[in-house]
C-alpha cells in the first residue's frame, strides 16, 4: 500500500491542516463543513497530491488515500444484468474523491480507540456469517469467524457504523466525508465505457479479484453461486486491501470487485433507475417497504440500503442473471438492512459537496410485523415480490423513460 502522509489541502485561497483537530460529537451533520477544502477539480488539485499510475490525482489524509473522480457523465446500468439494473441511463456527477481502499481493520480500530464507539453488532444485532448461514452473537469486527490481518477490510459493521465512522472522519479532518452514492460507486468502478468489471470485460481470474473460487468450494461446498473451482485467488476469505493490482478500476481504485461488498449511502429501490435524477442522484427518499422473514435469529425490516461490488463469498458475474445471488459485476445492484452486519460486508469513504440531508432515519429498529409464525412474514414477502415483478415488466416493456410507476408499497 502507498506510503500514507498528512497533507496540506488548499482551495479558494484557504489553508486547512488535514490533521488539526478531531472530534466525535453528536452535532447534526448540517452543522459542519461540507468539504469545500478538498472537493476540487483536476485543474485545482490540493497541494501535496500526486498522479497515480492510472493518471488520476490522489491525496492522503492520515492513513487514508483518496482518488479524484473527475466531473462528467457516464452510463449507468446494464442491458445484460437483472431488471433492477434497467433502464440504462446517463448520469452526470460533479467531481469527488473516493477512497482508494476499503476501510481496514487497523483504521476502524483507531476510530474505536479514540471514540469508544460500539457497533450495532455488539449492541445485539449479531453478525451474519457465511460458514453456517446464520447470525452469530458471539462474533464482531474484532473477532469474526476467521483470522484477519490489520490490512484486511473491516467486516461485521452495519451501515450505521459506517456512517458513524464517516462523521468522525469529517469532524476530525474538517472534510465532508460520507458513504458513496450508488452512482458515485458505479462510476468509480466502471469508468465511462460501460465495462462489466473494474479492469474491463475479461472474466475475473486469480490476479484480479477475491471471489468465490476453489477455496470457497473446499470450505463451503457447491451452492447457487456457481463457484469456479478451477481458480485459486489465494485467499479463503478476506485479503489485504491492496492485493489485486491488476483488478484496479480505470481510476486506480482497489477492491471494487470482490474481497468485501461496499455499503452505499442510498436507500435501495429496485425500480429507482426509472426516476433517478440526471445529476448527482442520491437514491430514493425512502425505499419501498419490503418486509420479509430473513433467517433464524433475524427480523423483518424495511430499512434496505444499497450495497455494491460483491465479496469473497460471491460469484464471478460471468453468467449474470442465470447465476442468482450476489456477484462481483460492477453494475450489479444488491441491498441489505442498514442494521445488518455480515462477514463479507465493509465500506469505503467519499469526500464531496453533495447535500445528502436528511442523512439518517431514526436510530431505532422499526416495529417487527411478525405474527409469531413464519407464514405471515412469508406471505408479505411473496406479495412484495409480486409487486417487484410488476415493476420489472413495466421497466422491460417501456424502458422506464416515460411512465411513472404508481405501484408503491410505502
Protein backbone atom coordinates (compact mmCIF):
# COMPACT_ATOMS: atom_id res chain seq x y z
CA UNK A 1 0.00 0.00 0.00
CA UNK A 2 1.23 3.51 -0.76
CA UNK A 3 3.02 5.37 2.00
CA UNK A 4 0.45 7.48 3.82
CA UNK A 5 1.09 11.00 4.97
CA UNK A 6 -0.63 14.09 6.29
CA UNK A 7 -1.07 16.63 3.54
CA UNK A 8 -1.97 20.29 3.36
CA UNK A 9 -5.17 20.92 1.47
CA UNK A 10 -5.64 24.14 -0.47
CA UNK A 11 -8.77 25.52 -2.09
CA UNK A 12 -10.02 29.02 -2.80
CA UNK A 13 -7.03 30.50 -1.02
CA UNK A 14 -7.82 28.74 2.26
CA UNK A 15 -5.34 26.60 4.13
CA UNK A 16 -6.51 23.59 6.09
CA UNK A 17 -4.16 21.38 8.04
CA UNK A 18 -5.72 17.96 7.50
CA UNK A 19 -4.96 16.77 10.99
CA UNK A 20 -5.68 19.86 13.05
CA UNK A 21 -8.43 18.63 15.34
CA UNK A 22 -10.53 15.60 15.94
CA UNK A 23 -13.90 15.03 17.47
CA UNK A 24 -16.71 12.57 17.70
CA UNK A 25 -19.75 14.58 18.59
CA UNK A 26 -23.50 14.38 18.42
CA UNK A 27 -23.72 17.52 16.29
CA UNK A 28 -26.14 17.24 13.40
CA UNK A 29 -24.39 16.73 10.04
CA UNK A 30 -25.59 20.11 8.81
CA UNK A 31 -23.59 21.95 11.49
CA UNK A 32 -20.18 21.18 9.99
CA UNK A 33 -18.13 21.80 6.86
CA UNK A 34 -19.29 20.18 3.63
CA UNK A 35 -15.74 19.68 2.48
CA UNK A 36 -15.15 22.62 0.15
CA UNK A 37 -11.49 22.45 1.10
CA UNK A 38 -10.96 19.19 -0.76
CA UNK A 39 -13.77 18.94 -3.32
CA UNK A 40 -11.61 20.27 -6.11
CA UNK A 41 -11.35 19.60 -9.83
CA UNK A 42 -8.44 18.30 -11.87
CA UNK A 43 -7.37 21.91 -12.55
CA UNK A 44 -7.15 22.81 -8.87
CA UNK A 45 -5.94 19.76 -7.01
CA UNK A 46 -4.78 20.05 -3.39
CA UNK A 47 -1.14 20.79 -2.71
CA UNK A 48 0.71 17.55 -1.97
CA UNK A 49 -1.44 15.34 -4.18
CA UNK A 50 0.17 13.01 -6.69
CA UNK A 51 -0.79 11.47 -10.01
CA UNK A 52 -1.33 7.71 -9.75
CA UNK A 53 -0.38 5.09 -12.33
CA UNK A 54 -3.82 5.42 -13.93
CA UNK A 55 -3.30 9.15 -14.48
CA UNK A 56 -5.63 10.47 -11.77
CA UNK A 57 -4.95 12.62 -8.73
CA UNK A 58 -4.50 11.04 -5.32
CA UNK A 59 -4.25 12.64 -1.91
CA UNK A 60 -3.67 11.21 1.54
CA UNK A 61 -5.36 12.23 4.77
CA UNK A 62 -3.63 10.50 7.64
CA UNK A 63 -3.75 6.77 6.75
CA UNK A 64 -6.46 7.16 4.08
CA UNK A 65 -5.73 7.58 0.37
CA UNK A 66 -8.34 9.13 -1.92
CA UNK A 67 -8.55 9.18 -5.72
CA UNK A 68 -10.24 12.06 -7.54
CA UNK A 69 -13.01 11.07 -9.95
CA UNK A 70 -13.36 13.99 -12.40
CA UNK A 71 -16.72 15.54 -13.15
CA UNK A 72 -18.65 14.35 -16.16
CA UNK A 73 -21.29 11.96 -17.41
CA UNK A 74 -21.22 8.18 -17.52
CA UNK A 75 -23.68 5.47 -18.49
CA UNK A 76 -25.21 3.66 -15.51
CA UNK A 77 -26.96 0.28 -15.56
CA UNK A 78 -26.74 -2.71 -17.86
CA UNK A 79 -28.71 -4.44 -20.60
CA UNK A 80 -27.04 -7.72 -19.67
CA UNK A 81 -27.91 -7.96 -16.00
CA UNK A 82 -31.10 -8.09 -13.96
CA UNK A 83 -34.19 -5.92 -14.28
CA UNK A 84 -33.10 -3.76 -11.34
CA UNK A 85 -30.17 -2.57 -13.49
CA UNK A 86 -32.61 -1.09 -16.01
CA UNK A 87 -33.16 1.25 -17.65
CA UNK A 88 -29.64 2.08 -18.77
CA UNK A 89 -29.32 5.83 -18.33
CA UNK A 90 -26.79 8.66 -18.36
CA UNK A 91 -25.80 10.35 -15.10
CA UNK A 92 -23.72 13.48 -14.59
CA UNK A 93 -21.59 13.64 -11.45
CA UNK A 94 -19.63 16.53 -10.03
CA UNK A 95 -16.04 15.66 -9.17
CA UNK A 96 -15.46 13.79 -5.92
CA UNK A 97 -12.77 11.86 -4.07
CA UNK A 98 -13.27 8.17 -3.34
CA UNK A 99 -11.17 6.04 -1.01
CA UNK A 100 -8.62 4.01 -2.91
CA UNK A 101 -9.15 1.10 -0.50
CA UNK A 102 -11.91 -0.09 1.82
CA UNK A 103 -11.55 0.94 5.47
CA UNK A 104 -9.23 -1.55 7.13
CA UNK A 105 -9.33 -3.31 10.47
CA UNK A 106 -6.49 -1.06 11.68
CA UNK A 107 -8.29 2.14 10.67
CA UNK A 108 -11.57 1.09 12.29
CA UNK A 109 -9.67 0.05 15.41
CA UNK A 110 -8.17 3.54 15.67
CA UNK A 111 -11.64 5.06 15.36
CA UNK A 112 -12.97 2.86 18.18
CA UNK A 113 -9.96 3.60 20.40
CA UNK A 114 -10.47 7.37 20.03
CA UNK A 115 -14.25 7.43 20.35
CA UNK A 116 -15.25 4.35 22.34
CA UNK A 117 -17.77 3.57 19.61
CA UNK A 118 -19.84 0.39 19.97
CA UNK A 119 -21.14 -1.22 16.79
CA UNK A 120 -24.70 -2.36 16.12
CA UNK A 121 -23.36 -5.88 16.06
CA UNK A 122 -22.05 -5.53 19.62
CA UNK A 123 -25.32 -3.95 20.75
CA UNK A 124 -27.14 -7.19 19.97
CA UNK A 125 -27.72 -7.28 16.22
CA UNK A 126 -25.12 -10.00 15.69
CA UNK A 127 -23.12 -10.77 12.55
CA UNK A 128 -24.30 -12.95 9.66
CA UNK A 129 -21.64 -15.48 8.72
CA UNK A 130 -21.21 -17.42 5.51
CA UNK A 131 -20.00 -20.61 7.19
CA UNK A 132 -23.41 -21.65 8.50
CA UNK A 133 -25.68 -19.03 7.02
CA UNK A 134 -26.70 -17.88 10.49
CA UNK A 135 -26.42 -14.83 12.72
CA UNK A 136 -23.78 -15.16 15.43
CA UNK A 137 -23.92 -13.02 18.53
CA UNK A 138 -20.51 -14.02 19.86
CA UNK A 139 -18.59 -12.54 16.91
CA UNK A 140 -17.78 -8.95 15.96
CA UNK A 141 -15.38 -6.87 13.85
CA UNK A 142 -12.52 -7.67 16.24
CA UNK A 143 -13.17 -11.40 16.25
CA UNK A 144 -15.03 -12.55 13.14
CA UNK A 145 -15.35 -16.18 12.18
CA UNK A 146 -11.88 -16.30 10.61
CA UNK A 147 -8.47 -14.67 11.03
CA UNK A 148 -7.87 -11.23 9.55
CA UNK A 149 -4.80 -9.04 9.29
CA UNK A 150 -4.86 -5.35 10.22
CA UNK A 151 -4.62 -4.54 6.49
CA UNK A 152 -7.78 -6.51 5.66
CA UNK A 153 -11.11 -4.70 5.20
CA UNK A 154 -13.10 -4.36 8.39
CA UNK A 155 -16.24 -6.56 8.43
CA UNK A 156 -19.23 -7.17 10.70
CA UNK A 157 -20.12 -3.45 10.53
CA UNK A 158 -23.53 -2.02 9.70
CA UNK A 159 -24.50 0.97 7.55
CA UNK A 160 -24.98 2.93 10.78
CA UNK A 161 -21.47 2.02 11.90
CA UNK A 162 -20.02 3.07 8.55
CA UNK A 163 -21.80 6.43 8.71
CA UNK A 164 -20.59 6.96 12.27
CA UNK A 165 -17.04 6.44 11.01
CA UNK A 166 -17.65 8.88 8.14
CA UNK A 167 -18.95 11.55 10.53
CA UNK A 168 -16.00 11.07 12.87
CA UNK A 169 -13.60 11.36 9.93
CA UNK A 170 -15.39 14.51 8.75
CA UNK A 171 -15.10 16.21 12.12
CA UNK A 172 -11.53 15.12 12.74
CA UNK A 173 -10.17 16.32 9.39
CA UNK A 174 -12.68 19.07 8.57
CA UNK A 175 -13.91 17.47 5.35
CA UNK A 176 -17.29 16.36 4.05
CA UNK A 177 -16.98 12.57 4.15
CA UNK A 178 -19.79 10.08 3.66
CA UNK A 179 -20.52 6.76 2.00
CA UNK A 180 -20.55 6.77 -1.81
CA UNK A 181 -23.86 7.03 -3.57
CA UNK A 182 -24.67 4.19 -5.94
CA UNK A 183 -23.83 6.45 -8.87
CA UNK A 184 -20.51 7.53 -7.39
CA UNK A 185 -19.60 3.95 -6.61
CA UNK A 186 -20.50 2.66 -10.09
CA UNK A 187 -18.61 5.39 -11.94
CA UNK A 188 -15.51 4.84 -9.79
CA UNK A 189 -15.75 1.10 -10.53
CA UNK A 190 -16.63 1.13 -14.25
CA UNK A 191 -15.43 4.43 -15.63
CA UNK A 192 -17.26 5.73 -18.70
CA UNK A 193 -17.02 2.80 -21.13
CA UNK A 194 -19.71 0.52 -19.59
CA UNK A 195 -17.27 -2.25 -18.74
CA UNK A 196 -18.55 -5.25 -16.76
CA UNK A 197 -15.74 -5.33 -14.20
CA UNK A 198 -13.31 -2.66 -12.96
CA UNK A 199 -10.47 -3.93 -15.17
CA UNK A 200 -12.55 -4.41 -18.33
CA UNK A 201 -14.70 -7.14 -19.88
CA UNK A 202 -12.42 -10.13 -19.32
CA UNK A 203 -13.79 -12.58 -16.71
CA UNK A 204 -12.28 -12.47 -13.22
CA UNK A 205 -9.20 -14.57 -12.59
CA UNK A 206 -6.81 -15.20 -9.69
CA UNK A 207 -4.90 -11.97 -10.33
CA UNK A 208 -7.83 -9.55 -10.40
CA UNK A 209 -10.27 -10.29 -7.58
CA UNK A 210 -11.02 -12.24 -4.43
CA UNK A 211 -14.29 -14.05 -5.16
CA UNK A 212 -15.93 -17.47 -4.71
CA UNK A 213 -13.25 -19.78 -6.08
CA UNK A 214 -11.66 -23.14 -5.29
CA UNK A 215 -11.06 -22.04 -1.70
CA UNK A 216 -14.75 -21.26 -1.28
CA UNK A 217 -15.72 -24.59 -2.82
CA UNK A 218 -13.46 -26.50 -0.42
CA UNK A 219 -14.75 -24.60 2.62
CA UNK A 220 -18.48 -24.48 1.89
CA UNK A 221 -19.23 -26.88 -0.95
CA UNK A 222 -21.19 -26.19 -4.14
CA UNK A 223 -24.18 -23.86 -3.99
CA UNK A 224 -26.15 -21.46 -6.19
CA UNK A 225 -23.22 -19.08 -6.57
CA UNK A 226 -21.71 -21.08 -9.45
CA UNK A 227 -18.31 -21.23 -7.79
CA UNK A 228 -15.37 -21.51 -10.19
CA UNK A 229 -13.42 -24.45 -8.80
CA UNK A 230 -10.63 -24.04 -11.36
CA UNK A 231 -9.44 -20.69 -9.93
CA UNK A 232 -7.44 -20.12 -6.76
CA UNK A 233 -7.29 -16.40 -5.91
CA UNK A 234 -5.04 -17.12 -2.95
CA UNK A 235 -7.45 -16.42 -0.08
CA UNK A 236 -10.26 -18.46 1.50
CA UNK A 237 -11.86 -15.31 2.99
CA UNK A 238 -10.77 -11.65 3.04
CA UNK A 239 -7.43 -10.41 1.71
CA UNK A 240 -5.25 -7.31 2.24
CA UNK A 241 -6.92 -4.37 0.52
CA UNK A 242 -4.01 -3.68 -1.84
CA UNK A 243 -3.59 -7.28 -3.08
CA UNK A 244 -5.08 -7.24 -6.59
CA UNK A 245 -3.13 -4.67 -8.53
CA UNK A 246 -4.47 -5.98 -11.85
CA UNK A 247 -8.03 -5.57 -10.61
CA UNK A 248 -7.92 -1.79 -10.23
CA UNK A 249 -10.69 0.34 -11.72
CA UNK A 250 -9.95 2.81 -14.57
CA UNK A 251 -9.15 5.42 -11.91
CA UNK A 252 -6.83 3.22 -9.85
CA UNK A 253 -9.31 2.21 -7.12
CA UNK A 254 -8.84 -1.21 -5.49
CA UNK A 255 -11.32 -3.92 -4.42
CA UNK A 256 -14.30 -2.64 -6.39
CA UNK A 257 -14.91 -6.29 -7.31
CA UNK A 258 -14.69 -8.91 -4.60
CA UNK A 259 -13.00 -9.12 -1.18
CA UNK A 260 -15.81 -7.30 0.64
CA UNK A 261 -19.04 -5.68 -0.53
CA UNK A 262 -19.24 -1.90 -0.01
CA UNK A 263 -22.06 -0.15 1.80
CA UNK A 264 -23.55 2.67 -0.30
CA UNK A 265 -25.35 5.71 1.01
CA UNK A 266 -28.62 5.26 -0.92
CA UNK A 267 -31.87 3.73 0.15
CA UNK A 268 -32.45 0.73 -2.07
CA UNK A 269 -35.28 0.62 -4.60
CA UNK A 270 -35.23 -1.96 -7.41
CA UNK A 271 -37.07 0.45 -9.72
CA UNK A 272 -35.15 3.62 -8.84
CA UNK A 273 -33.40 3.87 -12.20
CA UNK A 274 -36.77 4.66 -13.77
CA UNK A 275 -36.91 8.00 -11.95
CA UNK A 276 -33.28 8.64 -10.98
CA UNK A 277 -32.09 12.23 -11.06
CA UNK A 278 -29.90 13.03 -14.06
CA UNK A 279 -27.31 14.83 -11.92
CA UNK A 280 -25.76 13.73 -8.63
CA UNK A 281 -28.52 11.25 -7.67
CA UNK A 282 -28.59 10.20 -4.02
CA UNK A 283 -31.24 7.49 -4.25
CA UNK A 284 -34.95 7.47 -3.40
CA UNK A 285 -36.30 9.40 -0.43
CA UNK A 286 -37.17 6.08 1.18
CA UNK A 287 -37.07 2.55 -0.10
CA UNK A 288 -40.39 0.81 -0.78
CA UNK A 289 -41.43 -1.19 2.25
CA UNK A 290 -40.44 -4.79 1.70
CA UNK A 291 -40.73 -6.87 4.84
CA UNK A 292 -39.58 -10.44 4.89
CA UNK A 293 -38.55 -13.11 7.33
CA UNK A 294 -34.80 -13.24 6.85
CA UNK A 295 -33.20 -16.19 8.67
CA UNK A 296 -33.31 -17.79 12.10
CA UNK A 297 -32.46 -15.02 14.54
CA UNK A 298 -33.22 -12.32 12.01
CA UNK A 299 -36.11 -9.88 11.90
CA UNK A 300 -38.49 -8.28 9.45
CA UNK A 301 -37.46 -4.87 8.23
CA UNK A 302 -37.93 -2.04 5.78
CA UNK A 303 -34.58 -0.31 6.03
CA UNK A 304 -32.79 -1.60 2.96
CA UNK A 305 -29.61 0.19 1.86
CA UNK A 306 -27.74 -0.37 -1.37
CA UNK A 307 -24.57 -2.45 -1.40
CA UNK A 308 -22.19 -2.91 -4.32
CA UNK A 309 -19.16 -4.83 -5.52
CA UNK A 310 -19.50 -8.44 -4.40
CA UNK A 311 -17.19 -10.23 -2.00
CA UNK A 312 -15.09 -13.31 -1.33
CA UNK A 313 -18.41 -15.13 -1.00
CA UNK A 314 -19.77 -14.16 -4.41
CA UNK A 315 -19.78 -15.44 -7.98
CA UNK A 316 -17.75 -14.03 -10.85
CA UNK A 317 -20.76 -12.50 -12.62
CA UNK A 318 -19.96 -14.26 -15.88
CA UNK A 319 -23.40 -15.90 -16.00
CA UNK A 320 -25.19 -12.71 -14.96
CA UNK A 321 -28.92 -13.27 -14.49
CA UNK A 322 -28.82 -17.05 -14.54
CA UNK A 323 -26.45 -17.49 -11.63
CA UNK A 324 -28.54 -15.94 -8.86
CA UNK A 325 -27.25 -14.32 -5.69
CA UNK A 326 -24.64 -11.60 -5.49
CA UNK A 327 -21.79 -11.31 -7.96
CA UNK A 328 -18.71 -9.13 -8.49
CA UNK A 329 -20.03 -7.42 -11.66
CA UNK A 330 -19.65 -3.67 -11.35
CA UNK A 331 -23.22 -2.93 -12.47
CA UNK A 332 -24.79 -5.49 -10.11
CA UNK A 333 -27.21 -3.96 -7.57
CA UNK A 334 -27.94 -5.54 -4.19
CA UNK A 335 -29.27 -4.48 -0.81
CA UNK A 336 -29.40 -5.34 2.86
CA UNK A 337 -30.81 -3.85 6.03
CA UNK A 338 -28.89 -0.90 7.41
CA UNK A 339 -28.57 -2.60 10.82
CA UNK A 340 -27.19 -5.76 9.27
CA UNK A 341 -23.58 -6.84 9.78
CA UNK A 342 -22.01 -9.57 7.63
CA UNK A 343 -18.63 -11.28 7.47
CA UNK A 344 -18.25 -10.13 3.87
CA UNK A 345 -19.56 -6.55 4.08
CA UNK A 346 -17.42 -3.46 4.66
CA UNK A 347 -17.24 0.14 3.41
CA UNK A 348 -15.15 2.94 1.92
CA UNK A 349 -15.48 6.72 2.12
CA UNK A 350 -16.05 9.54 -0.35
CA UNK A 351 -15.42 13.26 0.01
CA UNK A 352 -17.74 15.52 -1.96
CA UNK A 353 -20.11 18.51 -1.82
CA UNK A 354 -23.38 16.66 -2.32
CA UNK A 355 -26.19 17.57 0.08
CA UNK A 356 -27.47 14.28 1.49
CA UNK A 357 -29.89 15.71 4.07
CA UNK A 358 -31.58 14.20 5.89
CA UNK A 359 -28.79 11.70 6.36
CA UNK A 360 -30.32 9.45 8.98
CA UNK A 361 -33.52 7.63 9.77
CA UNK A 362 -34.48 7.41 13.46
CA UNK A 363 -31.84 5.31 15.20
CA UNK A 364 -34.17 2.52 16.27
CA UNK A 365 -35.50 -0.63 14.76
CA UNK A 366 -38.85 -0.48 13.00
CA UNK A 367 -41.66 -2.46 14.57
CA UNK A 368 -41.35 -6.14 13.79
CA UNK A 369 -44.52 -7.22 11.98
CA UNK A 370 -44.03 -10.93 12.53
CA UNK A 371 -47.19 -12.67 13.65
CA UNK A 372 -45.43 -15.31 15.70
CA UNK A 373 -45.24 -17.75 12.82
CA UNK A 374 -43.22 -17.76 9.63
CA UNK A 375 -46.32 -17.91 7.44
CA UNK A 376 -47.26 -14.27 7.97
CA UNK A 377 -43.92 -12.75 7.01
CA UNK A 378 -43.56 -15.18 4.13
CA UNK A 379 -46.91 -14.07 2.72
CA UNK A 380 -45.71 -10.48 2.92
CA UNK A 381 -42.51 -11.42 1.13
CA UNK A 382 -44.42 -13.09 -1.68
CA UNK A 383 -46.70 -10.07 -2.03
CA UNK A 384 -43.84 -7.63 -2.42
CA UNK A 385 -42.02 -9.98 -4.75
CA UNK A 386 -45.20 -9.84 -6.85
CA UNK A 387 -45.13 -6.04 -6.82
CA UNK A 388 -41.48 -6.10 -7.87
CA UNK A 389 -42.35 -8.41 -10.76
CA UNK A 390 -44.98 -5.92 -11.97
CA UNK A 391 -42.37 -3.16 -11.83
CA UNK A 392 -39.94 -5.35 -13.72
CA UNK A 393 -42.46 -5.89 -16.51
CA UNK A 394 -43.09 -2.15 -16.77
CA UNK A 395 -39.39 -1.38 -16.96
CA UNK A 396 -38.76 -4.11 -19.52
CA UNK A 397 -41.73 -3.01 -21.65
CA UNK A 398 -41.33 0.75 -21.59
CA UNK A 399 -37.66 1.22 -20.82
CA UNK A 400 -38.56 3.34 -17.84
CA UNK A 401 -38.25 6.63 -19.71
CA UNK A 402 -41.78 8.00 -19.94
CA UNK A 403 -44.01 6.26 -17.42
CA UNK A 404 -44.17 7.00 -13.71
CA UNK A 405 -44.59 3.94 -11.53
CA UNK A 406 -47.73 4.30 -9.46
CA UNK A 407 -47.29 0.96 -7.71
CA UNK A 408 -45.82 1.89 -4.35
CA UNK A 409 -45.64 -0.04 -1.14
CA UNK A 410 -44.86 2.76 1.28
